[in-house]
Amino acid sequence: MVLGVHRVADWLFNPTASFQLQGKDVLMVMTTPQGRTRLEQSIQGMR
């Protein structure tokens, strides 16, 4: 679950499903350890 996204100097909380991430966005998420692993693998695939 994405709780918030930090972009430049602003935070966006509870982003919608259609929100598009940008390269330097910082995510605040709540997940299980297994979900974290899947998220990290997905993000690495985007590079």
PDB file of N, CA and C in Angstrom:
ATOM      1  N   MET A   1       0.854  -1.159   0.000  1.00  0.00           N
ATOM      2  CA  MET A   1       0.000   0.000   0.000  1.00  0.00           C
ATOM      3  C   MET A   1       0.909   1.235   0.000  1.00  0.00           C
ATOM      4  N   VAL A   2       0.707   2.116  -0.974  1.00  0.00           N
ATOM      5  CA  VAL A   2       1.480   3.355  -1.032  1.00  0.00           C
ATOM      6  C   VAL A   2       0.774   4.389  -0.161  1.00  0.00           C
ATOM      7  N   LEU A   3       1.467   4.831   0.870  1.00  0.00           N
ATOM      8  CA  LEU A   3       0.901   5.816   1.784  1.00  0.00           C
ATOM      9  C   LEU A   3       1.140   7.240   1.297  1.00  0.00           C
ATOM     10  N   GLY A   4       2.303   7.448   0.683  1.00  0.00           N
ATOM     11  CA  GLY A   4       2.631   8.789   0.223  1.00  0.00           C
ATOM     12  C   GLY A   4       3.785   8.766  -0.757  1.00  0.00           C
ATOM     13  N   VAL A   5       3.896   9.867  -1.499  1.00  0.00           N
ATOM     14  CA  VAL A   5       4.982  10.047  -2.453  1.00  0.00           C
ATOM     15  C   VAL A   5       5.592  11.420  -2.195  1.00  0.00           C
ATOM     16  N   HIS A   6       6.906  11.446  -2.032  1.00  0.00           N
ATOM     17  CA  HIS A   6       7.626  12.718  -1.861  1.00  0.00           C
ATOM     18  C   HIS A   6       8.246  13.073  -3.200  1.00  0.00           C
ATOM     19  N   ARG A   7       7.881  14.259  -3.690  1.00  0.00           N
ATOM     20  CA  ARG A   7       8.398  14.732  -4.978  1.00  0.00           C
ATOM     21  C   ARG A   7       8.884  16.157  -4.789  1.00  0.00           C
ATOM     22  N   VAL A   8      10.148  16.368  -5.038  1.00  0.00           N
ATOM     23  CA  VAL A   8      10.830  17.659  -4.868  1.00  0.00           C
ATOM     24  C   VAL A   8      10.656  18.103  -3.416  1.00  0.00           C
ATOM     25  N   ALA A   9       9.801  19.048  -3.129  1.00  0.00           N
ATOM     26  CA  ALA A   9       9.641  19.533  -1.753  1.00  0.00           C
ATOM     27  C   ALA A   9       8.250  19.259  -1.199  1.00  0.00           C
ATOM     28  N   ASP A  10       7.451  18.476  -1.915  1.00  0.00           N
ATOM     29  CA  ASP A  10       6.060  18.245  -1.517  1.00  0.00           C
ATOM     30  C   ASP A  10       5.783  16.769  -1.272  1.00  0.00           C
ATOM     31  N   TRP A  11       4.806  16.511  -0.405  1.00  0.00           N
ATOM     32  CA  TRP A  11       4.305  15.162  -0.177  1.00  0.00           C
ATOM     33  C   TRP A  11       2.901  15.063  -0.746  1.00  0.00           C
ATOM     34  N   LEU A  12       2.606  13.951  -1.409  1.00  0.00           N
ATOM     35  CA  LEU A  12       1.248  13.638  -1.848  1.00  0.00           C
ATOM     36  C   LEU A  12       0.855  12.374  -1.098  1.00  0.00           C
ATOM     37  N   PHE A  13      -0.175  12.481  -0.268  1.00  0.00           N
ATOM     38  CA  PHE A  13      -0.616  11.332   0.514  1.00  0.00           C
ATOM     39  C   PHE A  13      -1.794  10.654  -0.167  1.00  0.00           C
ATOM     40  N   ASN A  14      -1.873   9.337  -0.043  1.00  0.00           N
ATOM     41  CA  ASN A  14      -2.930   8.513  -0.631  1.00  0.00           C
ATOM     42  C   ASN A  14      -3.064   8.755  -2.129  1.00  0.00           C
ATOM     43  N   PRO A  15      -1.989   8.561  -2.899  1.00  0.00           N
ATOM     44  CA  PRO A  15      -2.091   8.787  -4.344  1.00  0.00           C
ATOM     45  C   PRO A  15      -3.074   7.804  -4.977  1.00  0.00           C
ATOM     46  N   THR A  16      -3.700   8.248  -6.058  1.00  0.00           N
ATOM     47  CA  THR A  16      -4.655   7.391  -6.758  1.00  0.00           C
ATOM     48  C   THR A  16      -3.918   6.302  -7.535  1.00  0.00           C
ATOM     49  N   ALA A  17      -4.643   5.295  -7.975  1.00  0.00           N
ATOM     50  CA  ALA A  17      -4.054   4.200  -8.740  1.00  0.00           C
ATOM     51  C   ALA A  17      -3.485   4.683 -10.069  1.00  0.00           C
ATOM     52  N   SER A  18      -3.987   5.786 -10.577  1.00  0.00           N
ATOM     53  CA  SER A  18      -3.509   6.303 -11.865  1.00  0.00           C
ATOM     54  C   SER A  18      -2.306   7.246 -11.719  1.00  0.00           C
ATOM     55  N   PHE A  19      -1.873   7.500 -10.494  1.00  0.00           N
ATOM     56  CA  PHE A  19      -0.728   8.386 -10.256  1.00  0.00           C
ATOM     57  C   PHE A  19       0.515   7.791 -10.902  1.00  0.00           C
ATOM     58  N   GLN A  20       1.262   8.615 -11.626  1.00  0.00           N
ATOM     59  CA  GLN A  20       2.455   8.131 -12.312  1.00  0.00           C
ATOM     60  C   GLN A  20       3.708   8.575 -11.573  1.00  0.00           C
ATOM     61  N   LEU A  21       4.544   7.604 -11.256  1.00  0.00           N
ATOM     62  CA  LEU A  21       5.799   7.892 -10.564  1.00  0.00           C
ATOM     63  C   LEU A  21       6.804   8.507 -11.519  1.00  0.00           C
ATOM     64  N   GLN A  22       7.680   9.333 -10.949  1.00  0.00           N
ATOM     65  CA  GLN A  22       8.776   9.912 -11.705  1.00  0.00           C
ATOM     66  C   GLN A  22      10.088   9.436 -11.094  1.00  0.00           C
ATOM     67  N   GLY A  23      11.172   9.624 -11.822  1.00  0.00           N
ATOM     68  CA  GLY A  23      12.469   9.069 -11.472  1.00  0.00           C
ATOM     69  C   GLY A  23      12.974   9.314 -10.068  1.00  0.00           C
ATOM     70  N   LYS A  24      12.762  10.478  -9.512  1.00  0.00           N
ATOM     71  CA  LYS A  24      13.335  10.772  -8.192  1.00  0.00           C
ATOM     72  C   LYS A  24      12.286  10.778  -7.083  1.00  0.00           C
ATOM     73  N   ASP A  25      11.102  10.261  -7.356  1.00  0.00           N
ATOM     74  CA  ASP A  25      10.074  10.165  -6.329  1.00  0.00           C
ATOM     75  C   ASP A  25      10.536   9.237  -5.212  1.00  0.00           C
ATOM     76  N   VAL A  26      10.133   9.550  -3.999  1.00  0.00           N
ATOM     77  CA  VAL A  26      10.422   8.708  -2.843  1.00  0.00           C
ATOM     78  C   VAL A  26       9.077   8.176  -2.337  1.00  0.00           C
ATOM     79  N   LEU A  27       8.996   6.851  -2.190  1.00  0.00           N
ATOM     80  CA  LEU A  27       7.745   6.226  -1.759  1.00  0.00           C
ATOM     81  C   LEU A  27       7.739   5.948  -0.266  1.00  0.00           C
ATOM     82  N   MET A  28       6.585   6.137   0.338  1.00  0.00           N
ATOM     83  CA  MET A  28       6.349   5.693   1.708  1.00  0.00           C
ATOM     84  C   MET A  28       5.296   4.593   1.577  1.00  0.00           C
ATOM     85  N   VAL A  29       5.688   3.362   1.894  1.00  0.00           N
ATOM     86  CA  VAL A  29       4.792   2.229   1.699  1.00  0.00           C
ATOM     87  C   VAL A  29       4.613   1.441   2.989  1.00  0.00           C
ATOM     88  N   MET A  30       3.524   0.683   3.033  1.00  0.00           N
ATOM     89  CA  MET A  30       3.289  -0.266   4.114  1.00  0.00           C
ATOM     90  C   MET A  30       3.084  -1.615   3.440  1.00  0.00           C
ATOM     91  N   THR A  31       3.922  -2.578   3.792  1.00  0.00           N
ATOM     92  CA  THR A  31       3.868  -3.870   3.129  1.00  0.00           C
ATOM     93  C   THR A  31       4.454  -4.958   4.022  1.00  0.00           C
ATOM     94  N   THR A  32       4.291  -6.175   3.584  1.00  0.00           N
ATOM     95  CA  THR A  32       4.924  -7.313   4.259  1.00  0.00           C
ATOM     96  C   THR A  32       6.369  -7.413   3.772  1.00  0.00           C
ATOM     97  N   PRO A  33       7.200  -8.186   4.446  1.00  0.00           N
ATOM     98  CA  PRO A  33       8.561  -8.385   3.942  1.00  0.00           C
ATOM     99  C   PRO A  33       8.579  -8.960   2.521  1.00  0.00           C
ATOM    100  N   GLN A  34       7.658  -9.875   2.217  1.00  0.00           N
ATOM    101  CA  GLN A  34       7.591 -10.446   0.878  1.00  0.00           C
ATOM    102  C   GLN A  34       7.155  -9.387  -0.137  1.00  0.00           C
ATOM    103  N   GLY A  35       6.226  -8.529   0.254  1.00  0.00           N
ATOM    104  CA  GLY A  35       5.783  -7.452  -0.626  1.00  0.00           C
ATOM    105  C   GLY A  35       6.903  -6.463  -0.894  1.00  0.00           C
ATOM    106  N   ARG A  36       7.725  -6.223   0.103  1.00  0.00           N
ATOM    107  CA  ARG A  36       8.871  -5.320  -0.087  1.00  0.00           C
ATOM    108  C   ARG A  36       9.829  -5.892  -1.124  1.00  0.00           C
ATOM    109  N   THR A  37      10.084  -7.174  -1.030  1.00  0.00           N
ATOM    110  CA  THR A  37      10.974  -7.820  -1.992  1.00  0.00           C
ATOM    111  C   THR A  37      10.410  -7.691  -3.406  1.00  0.00           C
ATOM    112  N   ARG A  38       9.117  -7.954  -3.577  1.00  0.00           N
ATOM    113  CA  ARG A  38       8.491  -7.839  -4.906  1.00  0.00           C
ATOM    114  C   ARG A  38       8.547  -6.398  -5.410  1.00  0.00           C
ATOM    115  N   LEU A  39       8.314  -5.438  -4.526  1.00  0.00           N
ATOM    116  CA  LEU A  39       8.375  -4.024  -4.909  1.00  0.00           C
ATOM    117  C   LEU A  39       9.778  -3.641  -5.355  1.00  0.00           C
ATOM    118  N   GLU A  40      10.773  -4.051  -4.598  1.00  0.00           N
ATOM    119  CA  GLU A  40      12.165  -3.742  -4.958  1.00  0.00           C
ATOM    120  C   GLU A  40      12.524  -4.352  -6.306  1.00  0.00           C
ATOM    121  N   GLN A  41      12.085  -5.572  -6.562  1.00  0.00           N
ATOM    122  CA  GLN A  41      12.370  -6.223  -7.846  1.00  0.00           C
ATOM    123  C   GLN A  41      11.677  -5.487  -8.985  1.00  0.00           C
ATOM    124  N   SER A  42      10.454  -5.033  -8.762  1.00  0.00           N
ATOM    125  CA  SER A  42       9.719  -4.304  -9.791  1.00  0.00           C
ATOM    126  C   SER A  42      10.399  -2.985 -10.106  1.00  0.00           C
ATOM    127  N   ILE A  43      10.838  -2.283  -9.082  1.00  0.00           N
ATOM    128  CA  ILE A  43      11.483  -0.985  -9.281  1.00  0.00           C
ATOM    129  C   ILE A  43      12.818  -1.163  -9.998  1.00  0.00           C
ATOM    130  N   GLN A  44      13.569  -2.180  -9.645  1.00  0.00           N
ATOM    131  CA  GLN A  44      14.849  -2.419 -10.316  1.00  0.00           C
ATOM    132  C   GLN A  44      14.654  -2.719 -11.794  1.00  0.00           C
ATOM    133  N   GLY A  45      13.547  -3.342 -12.131  1.00  0.00           N
ATOM    134  CA  GLY A  45      13.249  -3.650 -13.526  1.00  0.00           C
ATOM    135  C   GLY A  45      12.932  -2.411 -14.347  1.00  0.00           C
ATOM    136  N   MET A  46      12.619  -1.297 -13.690  1.00  0.00           N
ATOM    137  CA  MET A  46      12.273  -0.062 -14.394  1.00  0.00           C
ATOM    138  C   MET A  46      13.514   0.738 -14.772  1.00  0.00           C
ATOM    139  N   ARG A  47      14.645   0.433 -14.181  1.00  0.00           N
ATOM    140  CA  ARG A  47      15.860   1.223 -14.420  1.00  0.00           C
ATOM    141  C   ARG A  47      16.460   0.950 -15.766  1.00  0.00           C
TER     142      ARG A  47
END
